PDB file of all heavy atoms in Angstrom:
ATOM      1  N   GLU A   1     106.428 112.359  74.563  1.00  0.00           N
ATOM      2  CA  GLU A   1     105.655 112.730  73.381  1.00  0.00           C
ATOM      3  C   GLU A   1     105.667 111.569  72.393  1.00  0.00           C
ATOM      4  O   GLU A   1     106.717 110.976  72.142  1.00  0.00           O
ATOM      5  CB  GLU A   1     106.249 113.975  72.712  1.00  0.00           C
ATOM      6  CG  GLU A   1     106.409 115.163  73.654  1.00  0.00           C
ATOM      7  CD  GLU A   1     107.279 116.251  73.060  1.00  0.00           C
ATOM      8  OE1 GLU A   1     107.780 116.061  71.925  1.00  0.00           O
ATOM      9  OE2 GLU A   1     107.485 117.283  73.722  1.00  0.00           O
ATOM     10  N   ALA A   2     104.496 111.256  71.831  1.00  0.00           N
ATOM     11  CA  ALA A   2     104.419 110.133  70.893  1.00  0.00           C
ATOM     12  C   ALA A   2     103.423 110.442  69.790  1.00  0.00           C
ATOM     13  O   ALA A   2     102.364 111.035  70.038  1.00  0.00           O
ATOM     14  CB  ALA A   2     104.018 108.853  71.618  1.00  0.00           C
ATOM     15  N   THR A   3     103.763 110.045  68.574  1.00  0.00           N
ATOM     16  CA  THR A   3     102.839 110.098  67.449  1.00  0.00           C
ATOM     17  C   THR A   3     102.348 108.680  67.188  1.00  0.00           C
ATOM     18  O   THR A   3     103.146 107.781  66.932  1.00  0.00           O
ATOM     19  CB  THR A   3     103.524 110.652  66.187  1.00  0.00           C
ATOM     20  OG1 THR A   3     104.063 111.944  66.477  1.00  0.00           O
ATOM     21  CG2 THR A   3     102.531 110.766  65.043  1.00  0.00           C
ATOM     22  N   LEU A   4     101.031 108.482  67.275  1.00  0.00           N
ATOM     23  CA  LEU A   4     100.441 107.151  67.124  1.00  0.00           C
ATOM     24  C   LEU A   4      99.243 107.252  66.191  1.00  0.00           C
ATOM     25  O   LEU A   4      98.255 107.910  66.508  1.00  0.00           O
ATOM     26  CB  LEU A   4     100.028 106.611  68.499  1.00  0.00           C
ATOM     27  CG  LEU A   4      99.324 105.258  68.529  1.00  0.00           C
ATOM     28  CD1 LEU A   4     100.236 104.159  68.001  1.00  0.00           C
ATOM     29  CD2 LEU A   4      98.866 104.923  69.952  1.00  0.00           C
ATOM     30  N   TRP A   5      99.339 106.610  65.020  1.00  0.00           N
ATOM     31  CA  TRP A   5      98.276 106.637  64.016  1.00  0.00           C
ATOM     32  C   TRP A   5      97.857 108.073  63.684  1.00  0.00           C
ATOM     33  O   TRP A   5      96.673 108.380  63.556  1.00  0.00           O
ATOM     34  CB  TRP A   5      97.066 105.822  64.476  1.00  0.00           C
ATOM     35  CG  TRP A   5      97.288 104.349  64.427  1.00  0.00           C
ATOM     36  CD1 TRP A   5      97.485 103.521  65.489  1.00  0.00           C
ATOM     37  CD2 TRP A   5      97.346 103.514  63.264  1.00  0.00           C
ATOM     38  NE1 TRP A   5      97.678 102.228  65.070  1.00  0.00           N
ATOM     39  CE2 TRP A   5      97.598 102.195  63.698  1.00  0.00           C
ATOM     40  CE3 TRP A   5      97.229 103.757  61.897  1.00  0.00           C
ATOM     41  CZ2 TRP A   5      97.726 101.141  62.816  1.00  0.00           C
ATOM     42  CZ3 TRP A   5      97.352 102.687  61.020  1.00  0.00           C
ATOM     43  CH2 TRP A   5      97.594 101.399  61.497  1.00  0.00           C
ATOM     44  N   GLY A   6      98.828 108.976  63.600  1.00  0.00           N
ATOM     45  CA  GLY A   6      98.551 110.354  63.221  1.00  0.00           C
ATOM     46  C   GLY A   6      98.159 111.263  64.360  1.00  0.00           C
ATOM     47  O   GLY A   6      98.099 112.479  64.190  1.00  0.00           O
ATOM     48  N   ASP A   7      97.874 110.715  65.547  1.00  0.00           N
ATOM     49  CA  ASP A   7      97.537 111.546  66.708  1.00  0.00           C
ATOM     50  C   ASP A   7      98.801 111.907  67.478  1.00  0.00           C
ATOM     51  O   ASP A   7      99.719 111.088  67.602  1.00  0.00           O
ATOM     52  CB  ASP A   7      96.588 110.800  67.651  1.00  0.00           C
ATOM     53  CG  ASP A   7      95.185 110.683  67.079  1.00  0.00           C
ATOM     54  OD1 ASP A   7      94.746 111.637  66.417  1.00  0.00           O
ATOM     55  OD2 ASP A   7      94.541 109.647  67.297  1.00  0.00           O
ATOM     56  N   GLU A   8      98.806 113.121  68.031  1.00  0.00           N
ATOM     57  CA  GLU A   8      99.922 113.580  68.849  1.00  0.00           C
ATOM     58  C   GLU A   8      99.529 113.462  70.318  1.00  0.00           C
ATOM     59  O   GLU A   8      98.634 114.153  70.790  1.00  0.00           O
ATOM     60  CB  GLU A   8     100.274 115.035  68.505  1.00  0.00           C
ATOM     61  CG  GLU A   8     100.606 115.273  67.039  1.00  0.00           C
ATOM     62  CD  GLU A   8     101.881 114.557  66.600  1.00  0.00           C
ATOM     63  OE1 GLU A   8     102.752 114.309  67.464  1.00  0.00           O
ATOM     64  OE2 GLU A   8     102.004 114.234  65.397  1.00  0.00           O
ATOM     65  N   TRP A   9     100.221 112.576  71.031  1.00  0.00           N
ATOM     66  CA  TRP A   9      99.981 112.376  72.465  1.00  0.00           C
ATOM     67  C   TRP A   9     101.141 112.979  73.250  1.00  0.00           C
ATOM     68  O   TRP A   9     102.296 112.733  72.938  1.00  0.00           O
ATOM     69  CB  TRP A   9      99.862 110.887  72.787  1.00  0.00           C
ATOM     70  CG  TRP A   9      98.665 110.212  72.200  1.00  0.00           C
ATOM     71  CD1 TRP A   9      98.566 109.631  70.972  1.00  0.00           C
ATOM     72  CD2 TRP A   9      97.383 110.045  72.811  1.00  0.00           C
ATOM     73  NE1 TRP A   9      97.315 109.107  70.778  1.00  0.00           N
ATOM     74  CE2 TRP A   9      96.565 109.346  71.897  1.00  0.00           C
ATOM     75  CE3 TRP A   9      96.849 110.402  74.046  1.00  0.00           C
ATOM     76  CZ2 TRP A   9      95.250 109.011  72.180  1.00  0.00           C
ATOM     77  CZ3 TRP A   9      95.540 110.072  74.334  1.00  0.00           C
ATOM     78  CH2 TRP A   9      94.748 109.384  73.407  1.00  0.00           C
ATOM     79  N   VAL A  10     100.809 113.759  74.289  1.00  0.00           N
ATOM     80  CA  VAL A  10     101.832 114.373  75.133  1.00  0.00           C
ATOM     81  C   VAL A  10     101.501 114.073  76.595  1.00  0.00           C
ATOM     82  O   VAL A  10     100.420 114.434  77.081  1.00  0.00           O
ATOM     83  CB  VAL A  10     101.913 115.897  74.912  1.00  0.00           C
ATOM     84  CG1 VAL A  10     102.938 116.508  75.862  1.00  0.00           C
ATOM     85  CG2 VAL A  10     102.282 116.215  73.468  1.00  0.00           C
ATOM     86  N   PHE A  11     102.422 113.402  77.268  1.00  0.00           N
ATOM     87  CA  PHE A  11     102.313 113.123  78.699  1.00  0.00           C
ATOM     88  C   PHE A  11     103.214 114.117  79.436  1.00  0.00           C
ATOM     89  O   PHE A  11     104.422 114.151  79.192  1.00  0.00           O
ATOM     90  CB  PHE A  11     102.760 111.702  79.017  1.00  0.00           C
ATOM     91  CG  PHE A  11     101.854 110.622  78.499  1.00  0.00           C
ATOM     92  CD1 PHE A  11     101.781 110.339  77.144  1.00  0.00           C
ATOM     93  CD2 PHE A  11     101.084 109.872  79.376  1.00  0.00           C
ATOM     94  CE1 PHE A  11     100.953 109.346  76.667  1.00  0.00           C
ATOM     95  CE2 PHE A  11     100.254 108.866  78.908  1.00  0.00           C
ATOM     96  CZ  PHE A  11     100.179 108.604  77.550  1.00  0.00           C
ATOM     97  N   ALA A  12     102.640 114.913  80.334  1.00  0.00           N
ATOM     98  CA  ALA A  12     103.402 115.890  81.101  1.00  0.00           C
ATOM     99  C   ALA A  12     103.364 115.498  82.575  1.00  0.00           C
ATOM    100  O   ALA A  12     102.273 115.367  83.156  1.00  0.00           O
ATOM    101  CB  ALA A  12     102.831 117.292  80.917  1.00  0.00           C
ATOM    102  N   ARG A  13     104.544 115.296  83.150  1.00  0.00           N
ATOM    103  CA  ARG A  13     104.622 114.901  84.561  1.00  0.00           C
ATOM    104  C   ARG A  13     103.964 115.967  85.436  1.00  0.00           C
ATOM    105  O   ARG A  13     104.202 117.155  85.281  1.00  0.00           O
ATOM    106  CB  ARG A  13     106.077 114.704  84.969  1.00  0.00           C
ATOM    107  CG  ARG A  13     106.261 114.285  86.420  1.00  0.00           C
ATOM    108  CD  ARG A  13     107.728 114.170  86.767  1.00  0.00           C
ATOM    109  NE  ARG A  13     108.307 112.954  86.212  1.00  0.00           N
ATOM    110  CZ  ARG A  13     108.393 111.788  86.872  1.00  0.00           C
ATOM    111  NH1 ARG A  13     107.932 111.710  88.109  1.00  0.00           N
ATOM    112  NH2 ARG A  13     108.930 110.737  86.308  1.00  0.00           N
ATOM    113  N   ARG A  14     103.133 115.490  86.356  1.00  0.00           N
ATOM    114  CA  ARG A  14     102.372 116.407  87.196  1.00  0.00           C
ATOM    115  C   ARG A  14     103.016 116.630  88.554  1.00  0.00           C
ATOM    116  O   ARG A  14     102.825 117.646  89.180  1.00  0.00           O
ATOM    117  CB  ARG A  14     100.953 115.871  87.361  1.00  0.00           C
ATOM    118  CG  ARG A  14      99.912 116.920  87.637  1.00  0.00           C
ATOM    119  CD  ARG A  14      98.520 116.348  87.548  1.00  0.00           C
ATOM    120  NE  ARG A  14      98.348 115.146  88.355  1.00  0.00           N
ATOM    121  CZ  ARG A  14      97.444 114.204  88.107  1.00  0.00           C
ATOM    122  NH1 ARG A  14      96.682 114.297  87.047  1.00  0.00           N
ATOM    123  NH2 ARG A  14      97.331 113.151  88.888  1.00  0.00           N
ATOM    124  N   LEU A  15     103.744 115.651  89.036  1.00  0.00           N
ATOM    125  CA  LEU A  15     104.357 115.761  90.345  1.00  0.00           C
ATOM    126  C   LEU A  15     105.470 114.742  90.461  1.00  0.00           C
ATOM    127  O   LEU A  15     105.599 113.839  89.632  1.00  0.00           O
ATOM    128  CB  LEU A  15     103.338 115.543  91.465  1.00  0.00           C
ATOM    129  CG  LEU A  15     102.730 114.133  91.639  1.00  0.00           C
ATOM    130  CD1 LEU A  15     101.979 114.070  92.955  1.00  0.00           C
ATOM    131  CD2 LEU A  15     101.790 113.768  90.525  1.00  0.00           C
ATOM    132  N   ILE A  16     106.280 114.906  91.488  1.00  0.00           N
ATOM    133  CA  ILE A  16     107.380 113.977  91.711  1.00  0.00           C
ATOM    134  C   ILE A  16     106.826 112.677  92.269  1.00  0.00           C
ATOM    135  O   ILE A  16     105.705 112.636  92.773  1.00  0.00           O
ATOM    136  CB  ILE A  16     108.434 114.565  92.667  1.00  0.00           C
ATOM    137  CG1 ILE A  16     107.796 114.876  94.022  1.00  0.00           C
ATOM    138  CG2 ILE A  16     109.074 115.801  92.075  1.00  0.00           C
ATOM    139  CD1 ILE A  16     108.784 115.357  95.055  1.00  0.00           C
ATOM    140  N   PRO A  17     107.591 111.556  92.203  1.00  0.00           N
ATOM    141  CA  PRO A  17     107.074 110.287  92.707  1.00  0.00           C
ATOM    142  C   PRO A  17     106.712 110.356  94.186  1.00  0.00           C
ATOM    143  O   PRO A  17     107.388 111.009  94.975  1.00  0.00           O
ATOM    144  CB  PRO A  17     108.241 109.316  92.479  1.00  0.00           C
ATOM    145  CG  PRO A  17     109.051 109.950  91.420  1.00  0.00           C
ATOM    146  CD  PRO A  17     108.909 111.422  91.600  1.00  0.00           C
ATOM    147  N   VAL A  18     105.613 109.712  94.530  1.00  0.00           N
ATOM    148  CA  VAL A  18     105.187 109.604  95.918  1.00  0.00           C
ATOM    149  C   VAL A  18     105.419 108.172  96.365  1.00  0.00           C
ATOM    150  O   VAL A  18     104.866 107.239  95.790  1.00  0.00           O
ATOM    151  CB  VAL A  18     103.695 109.968  96.073  1.00  0.00           C
ATOM    152  CG1 VAL A  18     103.243 109.757  97.511  1.00  0.00           C
ATOM    153  CG2 VAL A  18     103.454 111.407  95.641  1.00  0.00           C
ATOM    154  N   LEU A  19     106.250 108.001  97.388  1.00  0.00           N
ATOM    155  CA  LEU A  19     106.496 106.655  97.877  1.00  0.00           C
ATOM    156  C   LEU A  19     105.344 106.252  98.781  1.00  0.00           C
ATOM    157  O   LEU A  19     105.080 106.883  99.800  1.00  0.00           O
ATOM    158  CB  LEU A  19     107.816 106.614  98.657  1.00  0.00           C
ATOM    159  CG  LEU A  19     109.050 106.921  97.792  1.00  0.00           C
ATOM    160  CD1 LEU A  19     110.295 106.866  98.650  1.00  0.00           C
ATOM    161  CD2 LEU A  19     109.164 105.950  96.643  1.00  0.00           C
ATOM    162  N   ALA A  20     104.653 105.218  98.374  1.00  0.00           N
ATOM    163  CA  ALA A  20     103.440 104.793  99.083  1.00  0.00           C
ATOM    164  C   ALA A  20     103.601 103.368  99.543  1.00  0.00           C
ATOM    165  O   ALA A  20     102.964 102.454  99.052  1.00  0.00           O
ATOM    166  CB  ALA A  20     102.220 104.938  98.196  1.00  0.00           C
ATOM    167  N   GLY A  21     104.481 103.159 100.463  1.00  0.00           N
ATOM    168  CA  GLY A  21     104.695 101.822 100.999  1.00  0.00           C
ATOM    169  C   GLY A  21     103.665 101.489 102.054  1.00  0.00           C
ATOM    170  O   GLY A  21     102.833 102.317 102.434  1.00  0.00           O
ATOM    171  N   PRO A  22     103.673 100.261 102.552  1.00  0.00           N
ATOM    172  CA  PRO A  22     102.723  99.905 103.597  1.00  0.00           C
ATOM    173  C   PRO A  22     103.005 100.678 104.875  1.00  0.00           C
ATOM    174  O   PRO A  22     104.135 100.741 105.342  1.00  0.00           O
ATOM    175  CB  PRO A  22     102.975  98.388 103.795  1.00  0.00           C
ATOM    176  CG  PRO A  22     104.348  98.172 103.284  1.00  0.00           C
ATOM    177  CD  PRO A  22     104.574  99.169 102.201  1.00  0.00           C
ATOM    178  N   ARG A  23     101.981 101.310 105.413  1.00  0.00           N
ATOM    179  CA  ARG A  23     102.136 102.101 106.619  1.00  0.00           C
ATOM    180  C   ARG A  23     101.247 101.551 107.712  1.00  0.00           C
ATOM    181  O   ARG A  23     100.079 101.243 107.477  1.00  0.00           O
ATOM    182  CB  ARG A  23     101.765 103.564 106.348  1.00  0.00           C
ATOM    183  CG  ARG A  23     102.640 104.217 105.288  1.00  0.00           C
ATOM    184  CD  ARG A  23     102.132 105.598 104.982  1.00  0.00           C
ATOM    185  NE  ARG A  23     102.934 106.220 103.940  1.00  0.00           N
ATOM    186  CZ  ARG A  23     102.625 107.381 103.375  1.00  0.00           C
ATOM    187  NH1 ARG A  23     101.549 108.036 103.760  1.00  0.00           N
ATOM    188  NH2 ARG A  23     103.393 107.896 102.430  1.00  0.00           N
ATOM    189  N   PRO A  24     101.742 101.427 108.942  1.00  0.00           N
ATOM    190  CA  PRO A  24     100.894 100.926 110.018  1.00  0.00           C
ATOM    191  C   PRO A  24      99.812 101.931 110.359  1.00  0.00           C
ATOM    192  O   PRO A  24     100.053 103.143 110.391  1.00  0.00           O
ATOM    193  CB  PRO A  24     101.878 100.746 111.179  1.00  0.00           C
ATOM    194  CG  PRO A  24     103.005 101.672 110.868  1.00  0.00           C
ATOM    195  CD  PRO A  24     103.103 101.724 109.387  1.00  0.00           C
ATOM    196  N   SER A  25      98.592 101.448 110.559  1.00  0.00           N
ATOM    197  CA  SER A  25      97.491 102.332 110.922  1.00  0.00           C
ATOM    198  C   SER A  25      97.239 102.248 112.421  1.00  0.00           C
ATOM    199  O   SER A  25      97.562 101.236 113.063  1.00  0.00           O
ATOM    200  CB  SER A  25      96.220 101.931 110.172  1.00  0.00           C
ATOM    201  OG  SER A  25      95.909 100.587 110.435  1.00  0.00           O
ATOM    202  N   PRO A  26      96.646 103.298 113.012  1.00  0.00           N
ATOM    203  CA  PRO A  26      96.365 103.257 114.447  1.00  0.00           C
ATOM    204  C   PRO A  26      95.434 102.112 114.778  1.00  0.00           C
ATOM    205  O   PRO A  26      94.566 101.746 113.973  1.00  0.00           O
ATOM    206  CB  PRO A  26      95.698 104.612 114.706  1.00  0.00           C
ATOM    207  CG  PRO A  26      96.091 105.469 113.552  1.00  0.00           C
ATOM    208  CD  PRO A  26      96.261 104.546 112.394  1.00  0.00           C
ATOM    209  N   PRO A  27      95.592 101.484 115.944  1.00  0.00           N
ATOM    210  CA  PRO A  27      94.710 100.373 116.318  1.00  0.00           C
ATOM    211  C   PRO A  27      93.278 100.849 116.484  1.00  0.00           C
ATOM    212  O   PRO A  27      93.010 102.008 116.787  1.00  0.00           O
ATOM    213  CB  PRO A  27      95.311  99.882 117.637  1.00  0.00           C
ATOM    214  CG  PRO A  27      96.059 101.048 118.172  1.00  0.00           C
ATOM    215  CD  PRO A  27      96.567 101.801 116.985  1.00  0.00           C
ATOM    216  N   THR A  28      92.336  99.930 116.283  1.00  0.00           N
ATOM    217  CA  THR A  28      90.919 100.246 116.423  1.00  0.00           C
ATOM    218  C   THR A  28      90.274  99.253 117.356  1.00  0.00           C
ATOM    219  O   THR A  28      90.711  98.108 117.507  1.00  0.00           O
ATOM    220  CB  THR A  28      90.202 100.185 115.063  1.00  0.00           C
ATOM    221  OG1 THR A  28      90.369  98.868 114.525  1.00  0.00           O
ATOM    222  CG2 THR A  28      90.787 101.193 114.087  1.00  0.00           C
ATOM    223  N   ARG A  29      89.187  99.716 117.992  1.00  0.00           N
ATOM    224  CA  ARG A  29      88.362  98.779 118.759  1.00  0.00           C
ATOM    225  C   ARG A  29      87.587  97.897 117.788  1.00  0.00           C
ATOM    226  O   ARG A  29      87.310  98.301 116.669  1.00  0.00           O
ATOM    227  CB  ARG A  29      87.375  99.558 119.635  1.00  0.00           C
ATOM    228  CG  ARG A  29      88.035 100.364 120.742  1.00  0.00           C
ATOM    229  CD  ARG A  29      86.958 100.808 121.732  1.00  0.00           C
ATOM    230  NE  ARG A  29      87.533 101.604 122.786  1.00  0.00           N
ATOM    231  CZ  ARG A  29      87.423 102.928 122.855  1.00  0.00           C
ATOM    232  NH1 ARG A  29      86.781 103.577 121.898  1.00  0.00           N
ATOM    233  NH2 ARG A  29      87.954 103.584 123.841  1.00  0.00           N
ATOM    234  N   PRO A  30      87.203  96.685 118.184  1.00  0.00           N
ATOM    235  CA  PRO A  30      86.480  95.802 117.254  1.00  0.00           C
ATOM    236  C   PRO A  30      85.215  96.437 116.701  1.00  0.00           C
ATOM    237  O   PRO A  30      84.853  96.226 115.560  1.00  0.00           O
ATOM    238  CB  PRO A  30      86.166  94.562 118.116  1.00  0.00           C
ATOM    239  CG  PRO A  30      87.191  94.597 119.202  1.00  0.00           C
ATOM    240  CD  PRO A  30      87.491  96.045 119.461  1.00  0.00           C
ATOM    241  N   ASP A  31      84.491  97.213 117.529  1.00  0.00           N
ATOM    242  CA  ASP A  31      83.224  97.775 117.076  1.00  0.00           C
ATOM    243  C   ASP A  31      83.159  99.282 117.324  1.00  0.00           C
ATOM    244  O   ASP A  31      82.091  99.841 117.503  1.00  0.00           O
ATOM    245  CB  ASP A  31      82.053  97.092 117.776  1.00  0.00           C
ATOM    246  CG  ASP A  31      82.192  97.157 119.300  1.00  0.00           C
ATOM    247  OD1 ASP A  31      83.260  97.608 119.777  1.00  0.00           O
ATOM    248  OD2 ASP A  31      81.229  96.775 119.978  1.00  0.00           O
ATOM    249  N   GLY A  32      84.293  99.906 117.340  1.00  0.00           N
ATOM    250  CA  GLY A  32      84.279 101.330 117.648  1.00  0.00           C
ATOM    251  C   GLY A  32      85.203 102.108 116.759  1.00  0.00           C
ATOM    252  O   GLY A  32      85.827 101.576 115.849  1.00  0.00           O
TER     253      GLY A  32
END
């Protein structure tokens, strides 16, 4: 919660952290 220039701003966490590291993707054909 923050007061900035008279405005009241409230940030509410929506979800827990999601770890999004690099993940290998399935191989693909060059043109398929």
